[in-house]
C-alpha atoms as a PDB file:
ATOM      1  CA  MET A   1     -18.081 -41.526  82.707  1.00  0.00           C
ATOM      2  CA  ASP A   2     -18.249 -41.340  86.499  1.00  0.00           C
ATOM      3  CA  PHE A   3     -16.727 -38.388  88.337  1.00  0.00           C
ATOM      4  CA  LYS A   4     -16.750 -37.782  92.084  1.00  0.00           C
ATOM      5  CA  TYR A   5     -17.630 -34.269  93.211  1.00  0.00           C
ATOM      6  CA  PRO A   6     -14.544 -32.658  94.781  1.00  0.00           C
ATOM      7  CA  SER A   7     -14.294 -32.058  98.502  1.00  0.00           C
ATOM      8  CA  PHE A   8     -13.267 -28.575  99.612  1.00  0.00           C
ATOM      9  CA  GLY A   9     -12.979 -26.491 102.764  1.00  0.00           C
ATOM     10  CA  ARG A  10     -13.063 -22.908 103.963  1.00  0.00           C
ATOM     11  CA  ILE A  11     -10.963 -20.007 102.733  1.00  0.00           C
ATOM     12  CA  ASP A  12      -8.593 -20.143 105.697  1.00  0.00           C
ATOM     13  CA  GLN A  13      -7.857 -23.813 104.920  1.00  0.00           C
ATOM     14  CA  LEU A  14      -6.569 -23.148 101.407  1.00  0.00           C
ATOM     15  CA  TYR A  15      -3.080 -24.360 100.466  1.00  0.00           C
ATOM     16  CA  PRO A  16      -0.578 -22.811 100.226  1.00  0.00           C
ATOM     17  CA  ASN A  17      -2.520 -19.786 101.558  1.00  0.00           C
ATOM     18  CA  PRO A  18      -5.832 -17.923 101.085  1.00  0.00           C
ATOM     19  CA  HIS A  19      -4.167 -15.344  98.828  1.00  0.00           C
ATOM     20  CA  ILE A  20      -4.653 -17.653  95.843  1.00  0.00           C
ATOM     21  CA  MET A  21      -8.269 -16.470  95.635  1.00  0.00           C
ATOM     22  CA  LEU A  22      -7.308 -12.847  95.056  1.00  0.00           C
ATOM     23  CA  CYS A  23      -7.761 -11.143  91.676  1.00  0.00           C
ATOM     24  CA  ASN A  24     -10.087 -13.890  90.406  1.00  0.00           C
ATOM     25  CA  ASP A  25     -13.767 -13.797  89.478  1.00  0.00           C
ATOM     26  CA  VAL A  26     -15.475 -15.607  92.356  1.00  0.00           C
ATOM     27  CA  TYR A  27     -19.115 -16.676  92.020  1.00  0.00           C
ATOM     28  CA  TRP A  28     -20.935 -17.126  95.336  1.00  0.00           C
ATOM     29  CA  THR A  29     -23.926 -19.464  95.302  1.00  0.00           C
ATOM     30  CA  LEU A  30     -26.266 -20.609  98.051  1.00  0.00           C
ATOM     31  CA  LYS A  31     -25.191 -23.800  99.825  1.00  0.00           C
ATOM     32  CA  TYR A  32     -28.205 -26.088  99.990  1.00  0.00           C
ATOM     33  CA  ASP A  33     -28.603 -28.535 102.863  1.00  0.00           C
ATOM     34  CA  GLY A  34     -29.291 -31.891 101.227  1.00  0.00           C
ATOM     35  CA  SER A  35     -27.713 -34.989  99.674  1.00  0.00           C
ATOM     36  CA  ASN A  36     -25.022 -34.610  97.007  1.00  0.00           C
ATOM     37  CA  THR A  37     -26.158 -36.354  93.811  1.00  0.00           C
ATOM     38  CA  GLY A  38     -24.590 -36.850  90.372  1.00  0.00           C
ATOM     39  CA  PHE A  39     -26.073 -37.901  87.021  1.00  0.00           C
ATOM     40  CA  TYR A  40     -23.462 -39.457  84.692  1.00  0.00           C
ATOM     41  CA  PHE A  41     -23.055 -41.648  81.612  1.00  0.00           C
ATOM     42  CA  ASP A  42     -21.608 -45.102  82.295  1.00  0.00           C
ATOM     43  CA  GLU A  43     -19.422 -46.984  79.794  1.00  0.00           C
ATOM     44  CA  THR A  44     -22.523 -48.216  77.924  1.00  0.00           C
ATOM     45  CA  GLY A  45     -23.973 -44.729  77.536  1.00  0.00           C
ATOM     46  CA  GLU A  46     -26.682 -45.282  80.158  1.00  0.00           C
ATOM     47  CA  ILE A  47     -27.265 -42.497  82.677  1.00  0.00           C
ATOM     48  CA  LYS A  48     -26.576 -43.536  86.274  1.00  0.00           C
ATOM     49  CA  ILE A  49     -27.127 -41.709  89.541  1.00  0.00           C
ATOM     50  CA  ARG A  50     -24.416 -41.539  92.205  1.00  0.00           C
ATOM     51  CA  SER A  51     -24.103 -40.164  95.720  1.00  0.00           C
ATOM     52  CA  ARG A  52     -21.030 -38.276  96.888  1.00  0.00           C
ATOM     53  CA  ASN A  53     -19.107 -41.452  97.719  1.00  0.00           C
ATOM     54  CA  MET A  54     -20.938 -44.257  95.923  1.00  0.00           C
ATOM     55  CA  PRO A  55     -21.227 -44.830  92.136  1.00  0.00           C
ATOM     56  CA  VAL A  56     -24.852 -45.899  92.639  1.00  0.00           C
ATOM     57  CA  ALA A  57     -26.844 -43.878  95.162  1.00  0.00           C
ATOM     58  CA  SER A  58     -28.984 -45.680  97.722  1.00  0.00           C
ATOM     59  CA  PHE A  59     -31.585 -42.930  97.187  1.00  0.00           C
ATOM     60  CA  ARG A  60     -31.553 -43.380  93.395  1.00  0.00           C
ATOM     61  CA  ASP A  61     -35.267 -44.175  93.174  1.00  0.00           C
ATOM     62  CA  LYS A  62     -36.197 -41.076  95.145  1.00  0.00           C
ATOM     63  CA  VAL A  63     -34.179 -38.943  92.723  1.00  0.00           C
ATOM     64  CA  LEU A  64     -35.821 -40.587  89.714  1.00  0.00           C
ATOM     65  CA  ASP A  65     -39.237 -39.830  91.215  1.00  0.00           C
ATOM     66  CA  GLN A  66     -38.504 -36.124  90.819  1.00  0.00           C
ATOM     67  CA  PRO A  67     -39.964 -34.758  87.548  1.00  0.00           C
ATOM     68  CA  VAL A  68     -36.819 -32.714  86.965  1.00  0.00           C
ATOM     69  CA  SER A  69     -34.749 -35.912  86.657  1.00  0.00           C
ATOM     70  CA  LYS A  70     -36.294 -36.565  83.243  1.00  0.00           C
ATOM     71  CA  ASN A  71     -35.394 -33.007  82.179  1.00  0.00           C
ATOM     72  CA  ILE A  72     -31.815 -33.454  83.356  1.00  0.00           C
ATOM     73  CA  MET A  73     -31.394 -36.653  81.360  1.00  0.00           C
ATOM     74  CA  GLU A  74     -32.949 -35.022  78.284  1.00  0.00           C
ATOM     75  CA  MET A  75     -30.479 -32.164  78.565  1.00  0.00           C
ATOM     76  CA  MET A  76     -27.540 -34.556  78.950  1.00  0.00           C
ATOM     77  CA  ASN A  77     -28.587 -36.668  75.967  1.00  0.00           C
ATOM     78  CA  HIS A  78     -29.250 -33.591  73.824  1.00  0.00           C
ATOM     79  CA  ASN A  79     -25.777 -32.183  74.419  1.00  0.00           C
ATOM     80  CA  SER A  80     -24.146 -35.584  74.012  1.00  0.00           C
ATOM     81  CA  GLU A  81     -25.837 -36.254  70.664  1.00  0.00           C
ATOM     82  CA  ASN A  82     -25.434 -32.753  69.233  1.00  0.00           C
ATOM     83  CA  TYR A  83     -22.177 -31.480  70.756  1.00  0.00           C
ATOM     84  CA  LYS A  84     -20.397 -34.667  71.940  1.00  0.00           C
ATOM     85  CA  SER A  85     -20.494 -33.334  75.506  1.00  0.00           C
ATOM     86  CA  ASP A  86     -20.000 -35.840  78.318  1.00  0.00           C
ATOM     87  CA  PHE A  87     -21.702 -34.175  81.274  1.00  0.00           C
ATOM     88  CA  VAL A  88     -21.868 -35.090  84.921  1.00  0.00           C
ATOM     89  CA  VAL A  89     -24.722 -33.086  86.426  1.00  0.00           C
ATOM     90  CA  PHE A  90     -24.415 -32.459  90.164  1.00  0.00           C
ATOM     91  CA  GLY A  91     -27.311 -31.421  92.336  1.00  0.00           C
ATOM     92  CA  GLU A  92     -28.782 -31.560  95.809  1.00  0.00           C
ATOM     93  CA  LEU A  93     -31.600 -33.916  96.742  1.00  0.00           C
ATOM     94  CA  LEU A  94     -33.732 -32.051  99.271  1.00  0.00           C
ATOM     95  CA  SER A  95     -35.640 -34.806 101.053  1.00  0.00           C
ATOM     96  CA  LYS A  96     -38.946 -34.155 102.766  1.00  0.00           C
ATOM     97  CA  GLY A  97     -38.557 -33.423 106.482  1.00  0.00           C
ATOM     98  CA  LYS A  98     -35.545 -32.203 108.405  1.00  0.00           C
ATOM     99  CA  SER A  99     -32.418 -31.466 106.364  1.00  0.00           C
ATOM    100  CA  PRO A 100     -29.141 -33.288 107.230  1.00  0.00           C
ATOM    101  CA  THR A 101     -27.927 -30.447 109.486  1.00  0.00           C
ATOM    102  CA  GLY A 102     -31.389 -29.742 110.881  1.00  0.00           C
ATOM    103  CA  LEU A 103     -31.332 -26.180 109.599  1.00  0.00           C
ATOM    104  CA  LYS A 104     -34.222 -26.588 107.194  1.00  0.00           C
ATOM    105  CA  THR A 105     -37.510 -28.458 107.021  1.00  0.00           C
ATOM    106  CA  TYR A 106     -38.646 -29.369 103.514  1.00  0.00           C
ATOM    107  CA  LYS A 107     -42.369 -29.869 102.891  1.00  0.00           C
ATOM    108  CA  GLU A 108     -41.719 -32.259 100.009  1.00  0.00           C
ATOM    109  CA  ASP A 109     -38.883 -33.888  98.083  1.00  0.00           C
ATOM    110  CA  ASP A 110     -37.131 -31.564  95.666  1.00  0.00           C
ATOM    111  CA  PHE A 111     -33.994 -31.384  93.550  1.00  0.00           C
ATOM    112  CA  ILE A 112     -31.769 -28.504  92.443  1.00  0.00           C
ATOM    113  CA  VAL A 113     -28.641 -28.464  90.238  1.00  0.00           C
ATOM    114  CA  PHE A 114     -25.484 -26.708  91.414  1.00  0.00           C
ATOM    115  CA  ASP A 115     -22.732 -27.774  88.976  1.00  0.00           C
ATOM    116  CA  ILE A 116     -22.018 -29.495  85.671  1.00  0.00           C
ATOM    117  CA  TYR A 117     -18.675 -31.132  84.934  1.00  0.00           C
ATOM    118  CA  ASP A 118     -17.835 -31.600  81.247  1.00  0.00           C
ATOM    119  CA  HIS A 119     -15.547 -34.602  80.707  1.00  0.00           C
ATOM    120  CA  SER A 120     -14.981 -33.586  77.092  1.00  0.00           C
ATOM    121  CA  LYS A 121     -13.320 -30.370  78.308  1.00  0.00           C
ATOM    122  CA  GLU A 122     -12.089 -31.689  81.671  1.00  0.00           C
ATOM    123  CA  SER A 123     -13.595 -28.732  83.491  1.00  0.00           C
ATOM    124  CA  PHE A 124     -16.699 -27.444  85.220  1.00  0.00           C
ATOM    125  CA  VAL A 125     -18.901 -25.178  83.147  1.00  0.00           C
ATOM    126  CA  ASN A 126     -19.065 -21.668  84.589  1.00  0.00           C
ATOM    127  CA  PHE A 127     -22.180 -20.377  86.296  1.00  0.00           C
ATOM    128  CA  ASN A 128     -23.534 -18.536  83.265  1.00  0.00           C
ATOM    129  CA  GLN A 129     -23.104 -21.646  81.115  1.00  0.00           C
ATOM    130  CA  LEU A 130     -24.819 -23.683  83.815  1.00  0.00           C
ATOM    131  CA  CYS A 131     -27.872 -21.426  83.577  1.00  0.00           C
ATOM    132  CA  LEU A 132     -27.867 -21.519  79.773  1.00  0.00           C
ATOM    133  CA  LEU A 133     -27.707 -25.319  79.734  1.00  0.00           C
ATOM    134  CA  CYS A 134     -30.413 -25.845  82.339  1.00  0.00           C
ATOM    135  CA  GLY A 135     -32.793 -23.005  81.497  1.00  0.00           C
ATOM    136  CA  PRO A 136     -34.228 -24.367  78.216  1.00  0.00           C
ATOM    137  CA  PHE A 137     -35.022 -27.677  79.957  1.00  0.00           C
ATOM    138  CA  ASP A 138     -36.715 -26.091  83.005  1.00  0.00           C
ATOM    139  CA  ILE A 139     -34.015 -27.366  85.351  1.00  0.00           C
ATOM    140  CA  PRO A 140     -33.703 -25.257  88.526  1.00  0.00           C
ATOM    141  CA  VAL A 141     -30.205 -24.134  89.521  1.00  0.00           C
ATOM    142  CA  VAL A 142     -28.778 -22.779  92.767  1.00  0.00           C
ATOM    143  CA  ASP A 143     -29.235 -19.117  93.616  1.00  0.00           C
ATOM    144  CA  LEU A 144     -26.365 -16.782  92.735  1.00  0.00           C
ATOM    145  CA  VAL A 145     -25.876 -14.711  95.895  1.00  0.00           C
ATOM    146  CA  GLY A 146     -22.997 -12.533  94.686  1.00  0.00           C
ATOM    147  CA  ARG A 147     -19.838 -12.182  92.640  1.00  0.00           C
ATOM    148  CA  CYS A 148     -16.553 -10.499  93.506  1.00  0.00           C
ATOM    149  CA  ASN A 149     -13.040  -9.871  92.244  1.00  0.00           C
ATOM    150  CA  VAL A 150     -10.857  -8.359  94.973  1.00  0.00           C
ATOM    151  CA  ASN A 151      -7.126  -8.020  95.631  1.00  0.00           C
ATOM    152  CA  THR A 152      -6.957  -8.075  99.450  1.00  0.00           C
ATOM    153  CA  LEU A 153      -7.973 -10.673 102.000  1.00  0.00           C
ATOM    154  CA  GLU A 154      -9.757  -7.948 103.950  1.00  0.00           C
ATOM    155  CA  SER A 155     -12.004  -7.135 100.985  1.00  0.00           C
ATOM    156  CA  LEU A 156     -12.623 -10.831 100.382  1.00  0.00           C
ATOM    157  CA  GLN A 157     -13.632 -11.461 103.990  1.00  0.00           C
ATOM    158  CA  ASP A 158     -15.857  -8.374 104.017  1.00  0.00           C
ATOM    159  CA  PHE A 159     -17.663  -9.687 100.943  1.00  0.00           C
ATOM    160  CA  VAL A 160     -18.050 -13.156 102.469  1.00  0.00           C
ATOM    161  CA  ASP A 161     -19.576 -11.550 105.558  1.00  0.00           C
ATOM    162  CA  GLU A 162     -22.057  -9.756 103.308  1.00  0.00           C
ATOM    163  CA  MET A 163     -22.967 -13.022 101.588  1.00  0.00           C
ATOM    164  CA  LEU A 164     -23.520 -14.785 104.911  1.00  0.00           C
ATOM    165  CA  ALA A 165     -25.598 -11.896 106.231  1.00  0.00           C
ATOM    166  CA  ALA A 166     -27.796 -12.215 103.144  1.00  0.00           C
ATOM    167  CA  THR A 167     -28.341 -15.958 103.666  1.00  0.00           C
ATOM    168  CA  ILE A 168     -29.417 -16.182 107.312  1.00  0.00           C
ATOM    169  CA  GLY A 169     -31.382 -19.388 107.831  1.00  0.00           C
ATOM    170  CA  GLU A 170     -29.418 -21.275 105.155  1.00  0.00           C
ATOM    171  CA  GLU A 171     -26.339 -23.474 105.602  1.00  0.00           C
ATOM    172  CA  GLY A 172     -23.998 -20.958 104.005  1.00  0.00           C
ATOM    173  CA  VAL A 173     -22.454 -20.054 100.644  1.00  0.00           C
ATOM    174  CA  VAL A 174     -20.060 -21.649  98.151  1.00  0.00           C
ATOM    175  CA  GLY A 175     -17.425 -19.590  96.318  1.00  0.00           C
ATOM    176  CA  LYS A 176     -16.335 -20.834  92.891  1.00  0.00           C
ATOM    177  CA  ILE A 177     -13.462 -19.861  90.621  1.00  0.00           C
ATOM    178  CA  PHE A 178     -14.092 -21.665  87.349  1.00  0.00           C
ATOM    179  CA  LYS A 179     -10.889 -21.030  85.415  1.00  0.00           C
ATOM    180  CA  ASN A 180      -7.171 -21.265  86.270  1.00  0.00           C
ATOM    181  CA  PRO A 181      -7.267 -19.923  89.835  1.00  0.00           C
ATOM    182  CA  HIS A 182      -3.525 -20.064  90.549  1.00  0.00           C
ATOM    183  CA  GLU A 183      -0.287 -21.746  89.468  1.00  0.00           C
ATOM    184  CA  SER A 184      -0.213 -23.755  92.709  1.00  0.00           C
ATOM    185  CA  ILE A 185      -3.594 -25.400  91.986  1.00  0.00           C
ATOM    186  CA  LYS A 186      -3.398 -28.541  89.845  1.00  0.00           C
ATOM    187  CA  ASP A 187      -7.067 -28.297  88.835  1.00  0.00           C
ATOM    188  CA  ASN A 188      -8.397 -25.485  86.649  1.00  0.00           C
ATOM    189  CA  PHE A 189     -11.040 -24.612  89.248  1.00  0.00           C
ATOM    190  CA  LEU A 190     -11.170 -23.697  92.925  1.00  0.00           C
ATOM    191  CA  PHE A 191     -14.191 -24.086  95.224  1.00  0.00           C
ATOM    192  CA  VAL A 192     -14.565 -22.996  98.865  1.00  0.00           C
ATOM    193  CA  LYS A 193     -17.437 -23.011 101.339  1.00  0.00           C
ATOM    194  CA  GLU A 194     -18.276 -20.645 104.158  1.00  0.00           C
ATOM    195  CA  LYS A 195     -20.904 -21.680 106.685  1.00  0.00           C
ATOM    196  CA  HIS A 196     -22.932 -19.959 109.343  1.00  0.00           C
ATOM    197  CA  PHE A 197     -22.069 -20.558 113.005  1.00  0.00           C
ATOM    198  CA  ILE A 198     -18.290 -20.606 112.397  1.00  0.00           C
ATOM    199  CA  GLN A 199     -16.897 -18.372 115.121  1.00  0.00           C
ATOM    200  CA  LYS A 200     -14.805 -15.349 114.201  1.00  0.00           C
ATOM    201  CA  PRO A 201     -11.554 -14.735 116.115  1.00  0.00           C
ATOM    202  CA  LYS A 202     -11.863 -12.088 118.816  1.00  0.00           C
ATOM    203  CA  ARG A 203      -8.729 -10.408 117.538  1.00  0.00           C
ATOM    204  CA  GLU A 204      -7.503  -9.968 113.994  1.00  0.00           C
ATOM    205  CA  LYS A 205      -4.520  -8.196 112.519  1.00  0.00           C
ATOM    206  CA  ARG A 206      -5.015  -6.713 109.078  1.00  0.00           C
ATOM    207  CA  SER A 207      -2.614  -4.996 106.744  1.00  0.00           C
ATOM    208  CA  ASP A 208      -3.252  -1.556 105.264  1.00  0.00           C
ATOM    209  CA  SER A 209      -1.645  -2.598 101.986  1.00  0.00           C
ATOM    210  CA  ASN A 210      -3.816  -2.768  98.882  1.00  0.00           C
ATOM    211  CA  TYR A 211      -1.635  -5.529  97.411  1.00  0.00           C
ATOM    212  CA  PRO A 212      -1.405  -9.143  98.527  1.00  0.00           C
ATOM    213  CA  GLU A 213       1.663  -9.945 100.594  1.00  0.00           C
ATOM    214  CA  THR A 214       2.767 -13.525 100.186  1.00  0.00           C
ATOM    215  CA  PRO A 215       5.059 -15.527 102.516  1.00  0.00           C
ATOM    216  CA  GLN A 216       8.825 -15.613 102.095  1.00  0.00           C
ATOM    217  CA  LEU A 217      10.005 -18.663 100.179  1.00  0.00           C
ATOM    218  CA  ASP A 218      11.786 -21.026 102.545  1.00  0.00           C
ATOM    219  CA  GLU A 219      15.573 -20.610 102.513  1.00  0.00           C
ATOM    220  CA  GLY A 220      15.968 -24.320 101.914  1.00  0.00           C
ATOM    221  CA  GLU A 221      13.931 -24.013  98.699  1.00  0.00           C
ATOM    222  CA  VAL A 222      16.233 -21.199  97.520  1.00  0.00           C
ATOM    223  CA  ARG A 223      19.250 -23.405  98.135  1.00  0.00           C
ATOM    224  CA  LYS A 224      17.604 -26.212  96.163  1.00  0.00           C
ATOM    225  CA  CYS A 225      17.245 -23.809  93.244  1.00  0.00           C
ATOM    226  CA  ILE A 226      20.934 -22.922  93.101  1.00  0.00           C
ATOM    227  CA  VAL A 227      21.854 -26.618  93.369  1.00  0.00           C
ATOM    228  CA  LYS A 228      19.463 -27.367  90.497  1.00  0.00           C
ATOM    229  CA  VAL A 229      21.081 -24.641  88.371  1.00  0.00           C
ATOM    230  CA  PHE A 230      24.524 -26.044  89.181  1.00  0.00           C
ATOM    231  CA  ASP A 231      23.464 -29.593  88.290  1.00  0.00           C
ATOM    232  CA  GLU A 232      22.137 -28.405  84.915  1.00  0.00           C
ATOM    233  CA  SER A 233      25.175 -26.230  84.017  1.00  0.00           C
ATOM    234  CA  THR A 234      28.741 -26.792  82.956  1.00  0.00           C
ATOM    235  CA  ILE A 235      31.408 -25.633  85.403  1.00  0.00           C
ATOM    236  CA  ASP A 236      32.409 -22.748  83.108  1.00  0.00           C
ATOM    237  CA  ASP A 237      28.813 -21.619  82.677  1.00  0.00           C
ATOM    238  CA  PHE A 238      28.178 -21.797  86.410  1.00  0.00           C
ATOM    239  CA  LYS A 239      31.183 -19.594  87.104  1.00  0.00           C
ATOM    240  CA  ASN A 240      29.844 -17.018  84.649  1.00  0.00           C
ATOM    241  CA  THR A 241      27.609 -14.681  86.685  1.00  0.00           C
ATOM    242  CA  LYS A 242      25.827 -13.380  83.578  1.00  0.00           C
ATOM    243  CA  ILE A 243      24.708 -16.918  82.772  1.00  0.00           C
ATOM    244  CA  THR A 244      24.026 -18.333  86.225  1.00  0.00           C
ATOM    245  CA  MET A 245      22.229 -15.468  87.970  1.00  0.00           C
ATOM    246  CA  PRO A 246      19.383 -15.193  85.400  1.00  0.00           C
ATOM    247  CA  ARG A 247      18.922 -18.964  85.563  1.00  0.00           C
ATOM    248  CA  PHE A 248      18.945 -18.848  89.365  1.00  0.00           C
ATOM    249  CA  ALA A 249      16.466 -15.974  89.466  1.00  0.00           C
ATOM    250  CA  LYS A 250      14.160 -17.785  87.027  1.00  0.00           C
ATOM    251  CA  ALA A 251      14.258 -20.982  89.101  1.00  0.00           C
ATOM    252  CA  VAL A 252      13.435 -19.080  92.296  1.00  0.00           C
ATOM    253  CA  SER A 253      10.648 -17.176  90.541  1.00  0.00           C
ATOM    254  CA  LEU A 254       9.094 -20.429  89.321  1.00  0.00           C
ATOM    255  CA  GLU A 255       9.271 -21.929  92.796  1.00  0.00           C
ATOM    256  CA  CYS A 256       7.617 -18.811  94.229  1.00  0.00           C
ATOM    257  CA  LYS A 257       4.746 -19.129  91.756  1.00  0.00           C
ATOM    258  CA  GLN A 258       4.242 -22.801  92.529  1.00  0.00           C
ATOM    259  CA  GLN A 259       4.162 -22.186  96.285  1.00  0.00           C
ATOM    260  CA  ASN A 260       2.488 -18.748  96.105  1.00  0.00           C
ATOM    261  CA  CYS A 261       5.427 -17.157  97.920  1.00  0.00           C
ATOM    262  CA  SER A 262       7.791 -14.263  97.314  1.00  0.00           C
ATOM    263  CA  ASN A 263      11.543 -13.825  97.782  1.00  0.00           C
ATOM    264  CA  LYS A 264      13.407 -11.009  99.476  1.00  0.00           C
ATOM    265  CA  LEU A 265      16.584 -12.955 100.162  1.00  0.00           C
ATOM    266  CA  ASN A 266      19.835 -11.906  98.466  1.00  0.00           C
ATOM    267  CA  LEU A 267      20.238 -14.481  95.708  1.00  0.00           C
ATOM    268  CA  PHE A 268      23.764 -13.356  94.876  1.00  0.00           C
ATOM    269  CA  GLY A 269      24.877 -14.387  98.368  1.00  0.00           C
ATOM    270  CA  PHE A 270      23.592 -17.926  97.786  1.00  0.00           C
ATOM    271  CA  TYR A 271      25.380 -18.000  94.426  1.00  0.00           C
ATOM    272  CA  VAL A 272      28.701 -16.883  95.945  1.00  0.00           C
ATOM    273  CA  GLU A 273      28.358 -19.470  98.691  1.00  0.00           C
ATOM    274  CA  LYS A 274      27.833 -22.255  96.152  1.00  0.00           C
ATOM    275  CA  LEU A 275      30.594 -20.896  93.920  1.00  0.00           C
ATOM    276  CA  ASN A 276      33.094 -20.966  96.824  1.00  0.00           C
ATOM    277  CA  GLU A 277      32.059 -24.529  97.537  1.00  0.00           C
ATOM    278  CA  VAL A 278      32.688 -25.464  93.905  1.00  0.00           C
ATOM    279  CA  ASN A 279      36.078 -23.752  93.808  1.00  0.00           C
ATOM    280  CA  LYS A 280      37.228 -25.730  96.858  1.00  0.00           C
ATOM    281  CA  CYS A 281      36.573 -29.017  95.099  1.00  0.00           C
END
């Protein structure tokens, strides 16, 4: 089954905010400068080769000329036949000559694997699993530059700076969270990339807190929560503070999780305001 490799940006472009990376295991691998390639099973069970945006790559023959392509297909077939796995194997075609960004010059064509998506589990395999799948078939995988699990943006950025300092001459690094990164993310993975030559701001303001501070939930979202509670309650229940306030608090808490925000507004004030509106009707 075909599967397009996801597009992703830098840490500071994350939605709803970069804090969603905190307190997760993040694997940082080298970002290779080449052509994104995917091996996948089509509906007939035949293995096809795609580019990032096309189901059949224009450089398919060049990929097939690489000895490792045979190993990749053997690995895919082995796991399909023995474990019912439906893999899409993603790698980088490193074509002889100047790389796409001009950063590297390759002496000959080469290929290296950086991810495997398992359709049967609807998830990417983690980095250790990637190595265990590819190793027995002599399939090269991307270099693991580092791994971190931090709870402040300052610590995260410091670690990224270390990773970039260790990869001078390369395009950059890719950070990967392989399992349930945050409630606000619909996928069960989160990837980011950090490249060299991205300028740092001349001024930065950092907090001394050791705990992530998330934005205040918009007041309009809080009001939507109390309206939702009202719509789902009887009049008598809504007028009962012991019933309504826990429901209201739960609704606001859920909204905070979905938007990676926090709430410091006085919920009781919003309840009283809505209650007065109800009593006037």
